[in-house]
Amino acid sequence: MISIGTDIVYIKRLEEKKFFEKIFHQSELRHNNSQKLAGIIAVKEACFKALGVSSRWLEIEVKYKKSGQPYLVFSNELKSKIEDYSCSISHDGEYAVAVVIFQLKE
């Protein structure tokens, strides 16, 4: 089965940093860039929507290839549901948007 999720984040929302440890892995916080962090939130939210699960922020880690393309590292529980996936993150002005397409295991 194919499942798609999308999300958009208002970048200025990230000025409140008190919740960061509940959402981001230490590797993600190294970016220390509001645009990049908003994109990470957007892609994680898109995943939750596509997988039909509640927000389990630390069960997905966003990493980047040398080319800048994002890829996702899932907890074992989430990984067991996923056959394959593709994701994209984009930024424009005050917003970050992400799309995820999953091929889910039957």
N, C-alpha and C. Protein backbone atom coordinates (compact mmCIF):
# COMPACT_ATOMS: atom_id res chain seq x y z
N MET A 1 0.84 -1.18 0.00
CA MET A 1 0.00 0.00 0.00
C MET A 1 0.89 1.25 0.00
N ILE A 2 0.47 2.25 -0.72
CA ILE A 2 1.18 3.53 -0.77
C ILE A 2 0.46 4.52 0.14
N SER A 3 1.24 5.27 0.90
CA SER A 3 0.67 6.28 1.80
C SER A 3 1.49 7.56 1.68
N ILE A 4 0.81 8.69 1.65
CA ILE A 4 1.47 9.98 1.47
C ILE A 4 1.15 10.89 2.64
N GLY A 5 2.15 11.64 3.09
CA GLY A 5 1.94 12.64 4.14
C GLY A 5 2.62 13.94 3.75
N THR A 6 2.04 15.05 4.17
CA THR A 6 2.64 16.36 3.92
C THR A 6 2.42 17.24 5.14
N ASP A 7 3.30 18.20 5.35
CA ASP A 7 3.15 19.12 6.46
C ASP A 7 3.87 20.43 6.12
N ILE A 8 3.38 21.49 6.72
CA ILE A 8 3.99 22.81 6.56
C ILE A 8 4.19 23.40 7.96
N VAL A 9 5.33 24.07 8.16
CA VAL A 9 5.67 24.65 9.46
C VAL A 9 6.03 26.11 9.28
N TYR A 10 5.46 26.94 10.13
CA TYR A 10 5.81 28.35 10.19
C TYR A 10 7.13 28.46 10.95
N ILE A 11 8.18 28.91 10.28
CA ILE A 11 9.54 28.88 10.83
C ILE A 11 9.65 29.67 12.13
N LYS A 12 8.98 30.78 12.24
CA LYS A 12 9.08 31.60 13.46
C LYS A 12 8.54 30.88 14.69
N ARG A 13 7.77 29.82 14.47
CA ARG A 13 7.26 29.01 15.58
C ARG A 13 8.41 28.41 16.40
N LEU A 14 9.59 28.32 15.80
CA LEU A 14 10.73 27.68 16.47
C LEU A 14 11.47 28.61 17.41
N GLU A 15 10.99 29.82 17.60
CA GLU A 15 11.64 30.72 18.55
C GLU A 15 11.51 30.21 19.98
N GLU A 16 10.48 29.42 20.24
CA GLU A 16 10.27 28.81 21.55
C GLU A 16 11.05 27.50 21.57
N LYS A 17 12.19 27.47 22.25
CA LYS A 17 13.08 26.32 22.19
C LYS A 17 12.92 25.34 23.35
N LYS A 18 12.00 25.58 24.25
CA LYS A 18 11.91 24.73 25.44
C LYS A 18 11.48 23.30 25.14
N PHE A 19 10.85 23.06 24.01
CA PHE A 19 10.37 21.72 23.68
C PHE A 19 11.34 20.96 22.77
N PHE A 20 12.46 21.53 22.43
CA PHE A 20 13.38 20.95 21.45
C PHE A 20 13.84 19.54 21.82
N GLU A 21 14.15 19.29 23.09
CA GLU A 21 14.68 17.98 23.49
C GLU A 21 13.65 16.87 23.32
N LYS A 22 12.38 17.22 23.20
CA LYS A 22 11.33 16.22 23.00
C LYS A 22 11.11 15.92 21.51
N ILE A 23 11.62 16.77 20.65
CA ILE A 23 11.37 16.65 19.22
C ILE A 23 12.61 16.25 18.42
N PHE A 24 13.77 16.78 18.80
CA PHE A 24 14.98 16.62 17.99
C PHE A 24 16.01 15.70 18.64
N HIS A 25 16.68 14.91 17.79
CA HIS A 25 17.87 14.17 18.20
C HIS A 25 19.02 15.17 18.30
N GLN A 26 20.03 14.84 19.08
CA GLN A 26 21.20 15.72 19.20
C GLN A 26 21.82 16.00 17.83
N SER A 27 21.85 15.00 16.96
CA SER A 27 22.43 15.19 15.62
C SER A 27 21.63 16.22 14.83
N GLU A 28 20.32 16.29 15.04
CA GLU A 28 19.49 17.26 14.32
C GLU A 28 19.70 18.67 14.85
N LEU A 29 19.93 18.78 16.15
CA LEU A 29 20.13 20.10 16.78
C LEU A 29 21.44 20.75 16.36
N ARG A 30 22.36 19.96 15.84
CA ARG A 30 23.64 20.53 15.39
C ARG A 30 23.46 21.54 14.28
N HIS A 31 22.35 21.45 13.56
CA HIS A 31 22.10 22.39 12.46
C HIS A 31 21.89 23.80 12.99
N ASN A 32 21.26 23.94 14.16
CA ASN A 32 21.06 25.24 14.82
C ASN A 32 20.62 26.32 13.83
N ASN A 33 19.73 25.95 12.95
CA ASN A 33 19.23 26.84 11.90
C ASN A 33 17.72 26.67 11.88
N SER A 34 16.98 27.75 12.11
CA SER A 34 15.52 27.66 12.21
C SER A 34 14.89 27.06 10.96
N GLN A 35 15.40 27.41 9.79
CA GLN A 35 14.85 26.85 8.54
C GLN A 35 15.02 25.34 8.51
N LYS A 36 16.22 24.88 8.81
CA LYS A 36 16.52 23.45 8.78
C LYS A 36 15.69 22.70 9.82
N LEU A 37 15.59 23.26 11.04
CA LEU A 37 14.82 22.62 12.10
C LEU A 37 13.33 22.57 11.77
N ALA A 38 12.81 23.62 11.16
CA ALA A 38 11.40 23.62 10.74
C ALA A 38 11.16 22.54 9.69
N GLY A 39 12.10 22.34 8.79
CA GLY A 39 12.00 21.28 7.80
C GLY A 39 11.99 19.90 8.44
N ILE A 40 12.79 19.73 9.48
CA ILE A 40 12.84 18.46 10.20
C ILE A 40 11.50 18.18 10.87
N ILE A 41 10.92 19.20 11.51
CA ILE A 41 9.61 19.03 12.12
C ILE A 41 8.58 18.67 11.05
N ALA A 42 8.61 19.37 9.93
CA ALA A 42 7.65 19.13 8.86
C ALA A 42 7.74 17.71 8.32
N VAL A 43 8.94 17.20 8.11
CA VAL A 43 9.07 15.86 7.54
C VAL A 43 8.66 14.80 8.56
N LYS A 44 8.95 15.04 9.84
CA LYS A 44 8.51 14.08 10.86
C LYS A 44 6.98 14.07 10.95
N GLU A 45 6.36 15.24 10.94
CA GLU A 45 4.89 15.32 10.98
C GLU A 45 4.28 14.65 9.75
N ALA A 46 4.88 14.84 8.60
CA ALA A 46 4.40 14.18 7.38
C ALA A 46 4.47 12.66 7.54
N CYS A 47 5.52 12.18 8.17
CA CYS A 47 5.65 10.73 8.42
C CYS A 47 4.53 10.23 9.33
N PHE A 48 4.28 10.95 10.41
CA PHE A 48 3.24 10.53 11.34
C PHE A 48 1.88 10.45 10.64
N LYS A 49 1.61 11.42 9.80
CA LYS A 49 0.34 11.44 9.06
C LYS A 49 0.26 10.25 8.10
N ALA A 50 1.33 10.01 7.36
CA ALA A 50 1.32 8.92 6.38
C ALA A 50 1.26 7.55 7.04
N LEU A 51 1.89 7.42 8.21
CA LEU A 51 1.90 6.13 8.91
C LEU A 51 0.68 5.95 9.80
N GLY A 52 -0.05 7.03 10.05
CA GLY A 52 -1.23 6.94 10.90
C GLY A 52 -0.88 6.67 12.36
N VAL A 53 0.23 7.27 12.82
CA VAL A 53 0.65 7.09 14.22
C VAL A 53 0.69 8.45 14.91
N SER A 54 0.68 8.40 16.24
CA SER A 54 0.80 9.64 17.00
C SER A 54 2.23 10.17 16.88
N SER A 55 2.43 11.39 17.29
CA SER A 55 3.73 12.05 17.19
C SER A 55 4.74 11.42 18.14
N ARG A 56 5.55 10.55 17.60
CA ARG A 56 6.63 9.91 18.36
C ARG A 56 7.94 10.48 17.83
N TRP A 57 8.20 11.71 18.22
CA TRP A 57 9.26 12.52 17.62
C TRP A 57 10.62 11.83 17.55
N LEU A 58 11.02 11.18 18.62
CA LEU A 58 12.38 10.63 18.66
C LEU A 58 12.49 9.26 17.99
N GLU A 59 11.38 8.76 17.42
CA GLU A 59 11.43 7.49 16.69
C GLU A 59 11.80 7.69 15.22
N ILE A 60 11.99 8.95 14.84
CA ILE A 60 12.45 9.27 13.49
C ILE A 60 13.60 10.26 13.62
N GLU A 61 14.70 9.97 12.96
CA GLU A 61 15.84 10.89 12.93
C GLU A 61 16.08 11.29 11.49
N VAL A 62 16.24 12.59 11.27
CA VAL A 62 16.47 13.13 9.93
C VAL A 62 17.97 13.37 9.76
N LYS A 63 18.51 12.80 8.71
CA LYS A 63 19.93 12.98 8.37
C LYS A 63 20.00 13.47 6.93
N TYR A 64 21.19 13.86 6.51
CA TYR A 64 21.35 14.40 5.16
C TYR A 64 22.54 13.75 4.46
N LYS A 65 22.33 13.42 3.18
CA LYS A 65 23.42 12.93 2.36
C LYS A 65 24.33 14.11 2.00
N LYS A 66 25.50 13.84 1.49
CA LYS A 66 26.42 14.91 1.09
C LYS A 66 25.78 15.84 0.07
N SER A 67 24.87 15.32 -0.73
CA SER A 67 24.18 16.12 -1.74
C SER A 67 23.17 17.09 -1.11
N GLY A 68 22.87 16.89 0.18
CA GLY A 68 21.88 17.72 0.85
C GLY A 68 20.51 17.07 0.92
N GLN A 69 20.34 15.93 0.24
CA GLN A 69 19.07 15.22 0.24
C GLN A 69 18.83 14.60 1.62
N PRO A 70 17.63 14.81 2.18
CA PRO A 70 17.34 14.22 3.49
C PRO A 70 17.05 12.73 3.38
N TYR A 71 17.39 12.01 4.43
CA TYR A 71 16.95 10.63 4.56
C TYR A 71 16.57 10.40 6.01
N LEU A 72 15.80 9.35 6.25
CA LEU A 72 15.21 9.13 7.56
C LEU A 72 15.71 7.84 8.17
N VAL A 73 15.93 7.88 9.47
CA VAL A 73 16.28 6.69 10.24
C VAL A 73 15.13 6.46 11.21
N PHE A 74 14.52 5.26 11.13
CA PHE A 74 13.33 4.95 11.91
C PHE A 74 13.64 4.01 13.07
N SER A 75 12.82 4.10 14.11
CA SER A 75 12.89 3.12 15.19
C SER A 75 12.54 1.76 14.60
N ASN A 76 12.90 0.69 15.30
CA ASN A 76 12.60 -0.65 14.80
C ASN A 76 11.11 -0.85 14.60
N GLU A 77 10.30 -0.31 15.50
CA GLU A 77 8.84 -0.48 15.39
C GLU A 77 8.31 0.16 14.11
N LEU A 78 8.73 1.40 13.83
CA LEU A 78 8.26 2.06 12.62
C LEU A 78 8.85 1.40 11.37
N LYS A 79 10.13 1.03 11.45
CA LYS A 79 10.80 0.39 10.31
C LYS A 79 10.08 -0.89 9.89
N SER A 80 9.50 -1.59 10.85
CA SER A 80 8.82 -2.85 10.55
C SER A 80 7.57 -2.65 9.69
N LYS A 81 7.07 -1.42 9.59
CA LYS A 81 5.87 -1.11 8.81
C LYS A 81 6.20 -0.63 7.39
N ILE A 82 7.47 -0.30 7.14
CA ILE A 82 7.85 0.41 5.91
C ILE A 82 8.66 -0.48 4.97
N GLU A 83 8.19 -0.58 3.75
CA GLU A 83 8.92 -1.30 2.70
C GLU A 83 9.96 -0.37 2.08
N ASP A 84 9.53 0.84 1.71
CA ASP A 84 10.40 1.84 1.08
C ASP A 84 9.77 3.21 1.27
N TYR A 85 10.54 4.26 1.05
CA TYR A 85 10.00 5.62 1.20
C TYR A 85 10.80 6.61 0.37
N SER A 86 10.22 7.77 0.20
CA SER A 86 10.90 8.90 -0.41
C SER A 86 10.41 10.14 0.32
N CYS A 87 11.32 11.09 0.55
CA CYS A 87 10.90 12.32 1.24
C CYS A 87 11.58 13.53 0.62
N SER A 88 10.95 14.68 0.82
CA SER A 88 11.48 15.94 0.31
C SER A 88 11.13 17.05 1.30
N ILE A 89 12.07 17.95 1.51
CA ILE A 89 11.88 19.11 2.37
C ILE A 89 12.20 20.35 1.55
N SER A 90 11.38 21.39 1.68
CA SER A 90 11.62 22.63 0.97
C SER A 90 11.32 23.81 1.88
N HIS A 91 11.96 24.93 1.60
CA HIS A 91 11.78 26.15 2.38
C HIS A 91 11.47 27.31 1.44
N ASP A 92 10.59 28.20 1.89
CA ASP A 92 10.30 29.41 1.13
C ASP A 92 9.84 30.48 2.11
N GLY A 93 10.59 31.54 2.18
CA GLY A 93 10.22 32.64 3.08
C GLY A 93 10.12 32.17 4.51
N GLU A 94 8.93 32.28 5.09
CA GLU A 94 8.73 31.98 6.50
C GLU A 94 8.21 30.56 6.73
N TYR A 95 8.24 29.71 5.69
CA TYR A 95 7.65 28.37 5.80
C TYR A 95 8.61 27.28 5.34
N ALA A 96 8.45 26.12 5.98
CA ALA A 96 9.12 24.90 5.53
C ALA A 96 8.02 23.88 5.26
N VAL A 97 8.17 23.11 4.21
CA VAL A 97 7.17 22.11 3.85
C VAL A 97 7.89 20.80 3.56
N ALA A 98 7.19 19.69 3.84
CA ALA A 98 7.77 18.38 3.58
C ALA A 98 6.70 17.44 3.05
N VAL A 99 7.15 16.51 2.22
CA VAL A 99 6.29 15.47 1.67
C VAL A 99 7.01 14.14 1.85
N VAL A 100 6.24 13.12 2.25
CA VAL A 100 6.79 11.77 2.40
C VAL A 100 5.85 10.80 1.68
N ILE A 101 6.44 9.88 0.94
CA ILE A 101 5.66 8.82 0.30
C ILE A 101 6.22 7.50 0.80
N PHE A 102 5.33 6.67 1.35
CA PHE A 102 5.72 5.36 1.87
C PHE A 102 5.13 4.25 1.03
N GLN A 103 5.92 3.22 0.81
CA GLN A 103 5.41 1.93 0.37
C GLN A 103 5.38 1.11 1.65
N LEU A 104 4.18 0.86 2.16
CA LEU A 104 4.03 0.15 3.43
C LEU A 104 4.00 -1.36 3.19
N LYS A 105 4.48 -2.10 4.18
CA LYS A 105 4.43 -3.55 4.10
C LYS A 105 2.99 -4.01 4.23
N GLU A 106 2.64 -5.02 3.51
CA GLU A 106 1.26 -5.56 3.55
C GLU A 106 1.04 -6.40 4.77
